[in-house]
Amino acid sequence: MGKFVISTRKNGEYQFQLKAGNGQVILVSEGYTSMSSCENGIESVKKNAPNDDRYERRTTESGKFRFNLKAGNGQVIGTSETYESESGRDNGIESVKKNAPDAEVVTEA
């Protein structure tokens, strides 16, 4: 089962990562100025993750693949790692759909 891990960046902002059951990071958030905003971002990911139309599939300039998960208002709420193949990216999307809705939330010190 997946989990959201909240951490603090060096600049004091909060950020979350969605990790799959095997510990691999499958989605990373932007920086948030407050813990409550970060927690709201997690709730937005949980809500939007099952909806395929919320995923923006992208190809980088170097020909690699990534995706963004967007909220209903179009704002990016999470970004994937870079994948070597289109199928890897699509597997990453499926992993977010599977792991995010019921993932526990933990905070790192």
C-alpha atoms as a PDB file:
ATOM      1  CA  MET A   1       0.000   0.000   0.000  1.00  0.00           C
ATOM      2  CA  GLY A   2       1.222   3.477  -0.839  1.00  0.00           C
ATOM      3  CA  LYS A   3       1.870   6.378   1.493  1.00  0.00           C
ATOM      4  CA  PHE A   4       2.252  10.118   1.361  1.00  0.00           C
ATOM      5  CA  VAL A   5       5.396  11.351   3.091  1.00  0.00           C
ATOM      6  CA  ILE A   6       5.439  15.006   4.149  1.00  0.00           C
ATOM      7  CA  SER A   7       8.862  16.581   4.591  1.00  0.00           C
ATOM      8  CA  THR A   8      10.300  20.064   5.034  1.00  0.00           C
ATOM      9  CA  ARG A   9      12.533  21.542   2.354  1.00  0.00           C
ATOM     10  CA  LYS A  10      15.705  23.461   3.206  1.00  0.00           C
ATOM     11  CA  ASN A  11      13.840  26.718   2.537  1.00  0.00           C
ATOM     12  CA  GLY A  12      11.204  25.802   5.158  1.00  0.00           C
ATOM     13  CA  GLU A  13       8.472  24.857   2.694  1.00  0.00           C
ATOM     14  CA  TYR A  14       6.516  21.628   3.049  1.00  0.00           C
ATOM     15  CA  GLN A  15       6.390  19.038   0.289  1.00  0.00           C
ATOM     16  CA  PHE A  16       4.889  15.596  -0.105  1.00  0.00           C
ATOM     17  CA  GLN A  17       5.925  12.532  -2.014  1.00  0.00           C
ATOM     18  CA  LEU A  18       3.606   9.677  -2.898  1.00  0.00           C
ATOM     19  CA  LYS A  19       5.476   6.410  -2.520  1.00  0.00           C
ATOM     20  CA  ALA A  20       4.310   3.050  -3.857  1.00  0.00           C
ATOM     21  CA  GLY A  21       4.239  -0.001  -1.603  1.00  0.00           C
ATOM     22  CA  ASN A  22       7.805  -0.830  -2.670  1.00  0.00           C
ATOM     23  CA  GLY A  23       9.027   2.588  -1.509  1.00  0.00           C
ATOM     24  CA  GLN A  24       9.491   4.045  -5.006  1.00  0.00           C
ATOM     25  CA  VAL A  25       8.534   7.725  -5.333  1.00  0.00           C
ATOM     26  CA  ILE A  26       5.774   8.027  -7.931  1.00  0.00           C
ATOM     27  CA  LEU A  27       4.614  11.628  -7.449  1.00  0.00           C
ATOM     28  CA  VAL A  28       6.124  14.791  -5.907  1.00  0.00           C
ATOM     29  CA  SER A  29       4.378  18.027  -4.957  1.00  0.00           C
ATOM     30  CA  GLU A  30       5.344  21.642  -5.227  1.00  0.00           C
ATOM     31  CA  GLY A  31       6.498  23.486  -2.115  1.00  0.00           C
ATOM     32  CA  TYR A  32       3.830  24.732   0.287  1.00  0.00           C
ATOM     33  CA  THR A  33       4.260  27.541   2.817  1.00  0.00           C
ATOM     34  CA  SER A  34       2.083  25.836   5.451  1.00  0.00           C
ATOM     35  CA  MET A  35       1.452  22.314   6.644  1.00  0.00           C
ATOM     36  CA  SER A  36      -2.305  22.734   6.148  1.00  0.00           C
ATOM     37  CA  SER A  37      -1.792  23.711   2.492  1.00  0.00           C
ATOM     38  CA  CYS A  38       0.388  20.629   2.014  1.00  0.00           C
ATOM     39  CA  GLU A  39      -2.302  18.433   3.592  1.00  0.00           C
ATOM     40  CA  ASN A  40      -4.911  20.019   1.296  1.00  0.00           C
ATOM     41  CA  GLY A  41      -2.672  19.134  -1.649  1.00  0.00           C
ATOM     42  CA  ILE A  42      -2.627  15.499  -0.523  1.00  0.00           C
ATOM     43  CA  GLU A  43      -6.425  15.461  -0.285  1.00  0.00           C
ATOM     44  CA  SER A  44      -6.600  16.887  -3.796  1.00  0.00           C
ATOM     45  CA  VAL A  45      -4.324  14.116  -5.090  1.00  0.00           C
ATOM     46  CA  LYS A  46      -6.469  11.473  -3.382  1.00  0.00           C
ATOM     47  CA  LYS A  47      -9.594  12.960  -4.951  1.00  0.00           C
ATOM     48  CA  ASN A  48      -8.218  13.481  -8.471  1.00  0.00           C
ATOM     49  CA  ALA A  49      -5.949  10.432  -8.850  1.00  0.00           C
ATOM     50  CA  PRO A  50      -8.644   8.011 -10.094  1.00  0.00           C
ATOM     51  CA  ASN A  51      -9.667  10.344 -12.960  1.00  0.00           C
ATOM     52  CA  ASP A  52      -7.645   9.629 -16.093  1.00  0.00           C
ATOM     53  CA  ASP A  53      -8.471  13.027 -17.599  1.00  0.00           C
ATOM     54  CA  ARG A  54      -6.598  14.726 -14.746  1.00  0.00           C
ATOM     55  CA  TYR A  55      -3.249  13.420 -16.041  1.00  0.00           C
ATOM     56  CA  GLU A  56      -1.191  15.548 -18.399  1.00  0.00           C
ATOM     57  CA  ARG A  57       1.127  13.203 -20.294  1.00  0.00           C
ATOM     58  CA  ARG A  58       4.298  14.970 -21.427  1.00  0.00           C
ATOM     59  CA  THR A  59       7.389  14.291 -23.486  1.00  0.00           C
ATOM     60  CA  THR A  60      10.559  16.153 -22.484  1.00  0.00           C
ATOM     61  CA  GLU A  61      12.848  17.915 -24.941  1.00  0.00           C
ATOM     62  CA  SER A  62      15.278  15.018 -24.568  1.00  0.00           C
ATOM     63  CA  GLY A  63      12.596  12.518 -25.629  1.00  0.00           C
ATOM     64  CA  LYS A  64      11.827  11.116 -22.170  1.00  0.00           C
ATOM     65  CA  PHE A  65       8.411  10.911 -20.553  1.00  0.00           C
ATOM     66  CA  ARG A  66       6.689  12.313 -17.452  1.00  0.00           C
ATOM     67  CA  PHE A  67       3.263  13.331 -16.243  1.00  0.00           C
ATOM     68  CA  ASN A  68       1.540  15.924 -14.113  1.00  0.00           C
ATOM     69  CA  LEU A  69      -1.574  15.300 -12.046  1.00  0.00           C
ATOM     70  CA  LYS A  70      -3.879  18.302 -12.159  1.00  0.00           C
ATOM     71  CA  ALA A  71      -6.780  19.412  -9.986  1.00  0.00           C
ATOM     72  CA  GLY A  72     -10.165  20.263 -11.468  1.00  0.00           C
ATOM     73  CA  ASN A  73      -9.076  23.907 -11.793  1.00  0.00           C
ATOM     74  CA  GLY A  74      -6.075  22.885 -13.936  1.00  0.00           C
ATOM     75  CA  GLN A  75      -3.444  23.514 -11.240  1.00  0.00           C
ATOM     76  CA  VAL A  76      -0.621  20.951 -11.097  1.00  0.00           C
ATOM     77  CA  ILE A  77      -0.794  19.087  -7.774  1.00  0.00           C
ATOM     78  CA  GLY A  78       1.917  16.510  -8.427  1.00  0.00           C
ATOM     79  CA  THR A  79       4.689  15.694 -10.904  1.00  0.00           C
ATOM     80  CA  SER A  80       6.219  12.327 -11.750  1.00  0.00           C
ATOM     81  CA  GLU A  81       9.795  11.297 -12.156  1.00  0.00           C
ATOM     82  CA  THR A  82      11.196  11.082 -15.700  1.00  0.00           C
ATOM     83  CA  TYR A  83      10.661   7.766 -17.474  1.00  0.00           C
ATOM     84  CA  GLU A  84      12.659   6.252 -20.315  1.00  0.00           C
ATOM     85  CA  SER A  85       9.563   4.961 -22.116  1.00  0.00           C
ATOM     86  CA  GLU A  86       5.962   5.898 -22.711  1.00  0.00           C
ATOM     87  CA  SER A  87       4.861   2.596 -21.185  1.00  0.00           C
ATOM     88  CA  GLY A  88       6.911   3.352 -18.043  1.00  0.00           C
ATOM     89  CA  ARG A  89       5.115   6.676 -17.712  1.00  0.00           C
ATOM     90  CA  ASP A  90       1.739   4.994 -18.206  1.00  0.00           C
ATOM     91  CA  ASN A  91       2.618   2.423 -15.541  1.00  0.00           C
ATOM     92  CA  GLY A  92       3.490   5.322 -13.219  1.00  0.00           C
ATOM     93  CA  ILE A  93       0.048   6.835 -13.803  1.00  0.00           C
ATOM     94  CA  GLU A  94      -1.613   3.504 -13.027  1.00  0.00           C
ATOM     95  CA  SER A  95       0.458   3.266  -9.842  1.00  0.00           C
ATOM     96  CA  VAL A  96      -0.750   6.713  -8.706  1.00  0.00           C
ATOM     97  CA  LYS A  97      -4.365   5.733  -9.479  1.00  0.00           C
ATOM     98  CA  LYS A  98      -3.939   2.560  -7.424  1.00  0.00           C
ATOM     99  CA  ASN A  99      -1.925   3.923  -4.481  1.00  0.00           C
ATOM    100  CA  ALA A 100      -3.134   7.492  -3.875  1.00  0.00           C
ATOM    101  CA  PRO A 101      -6.814   7.156  -2.873  1.00  0.00           C
ATOM    102  CA  ASP A 102      -6.204   5.062   0.274  1.00  0.00           C
ATOM    103  CA  ALA A 103      -2.596   5.993   1.055  1.00  0.00           C
ATOM    104  CA  GLU A 104      -1.706   6.815   4.644  1.00  0.00           C
ATOM    105  CA  VAL A 105      -0.022  10.134   5.446  1.00  0.00           C
ATOM    106  CA  VAL A 106       3.191  10.268   7.469  1.00  0.00           C
ATOM    107  CA  THR A 107       5.370  13.211   8.436  1.00  0.00           C
ATOM    108  CA  GLU A 108       9.169  13.012   8.461  1.00  0.00           C
ATOM    109  CA  ALA A 109      11.028  14.883  11.160  1.00  0.00           C
END
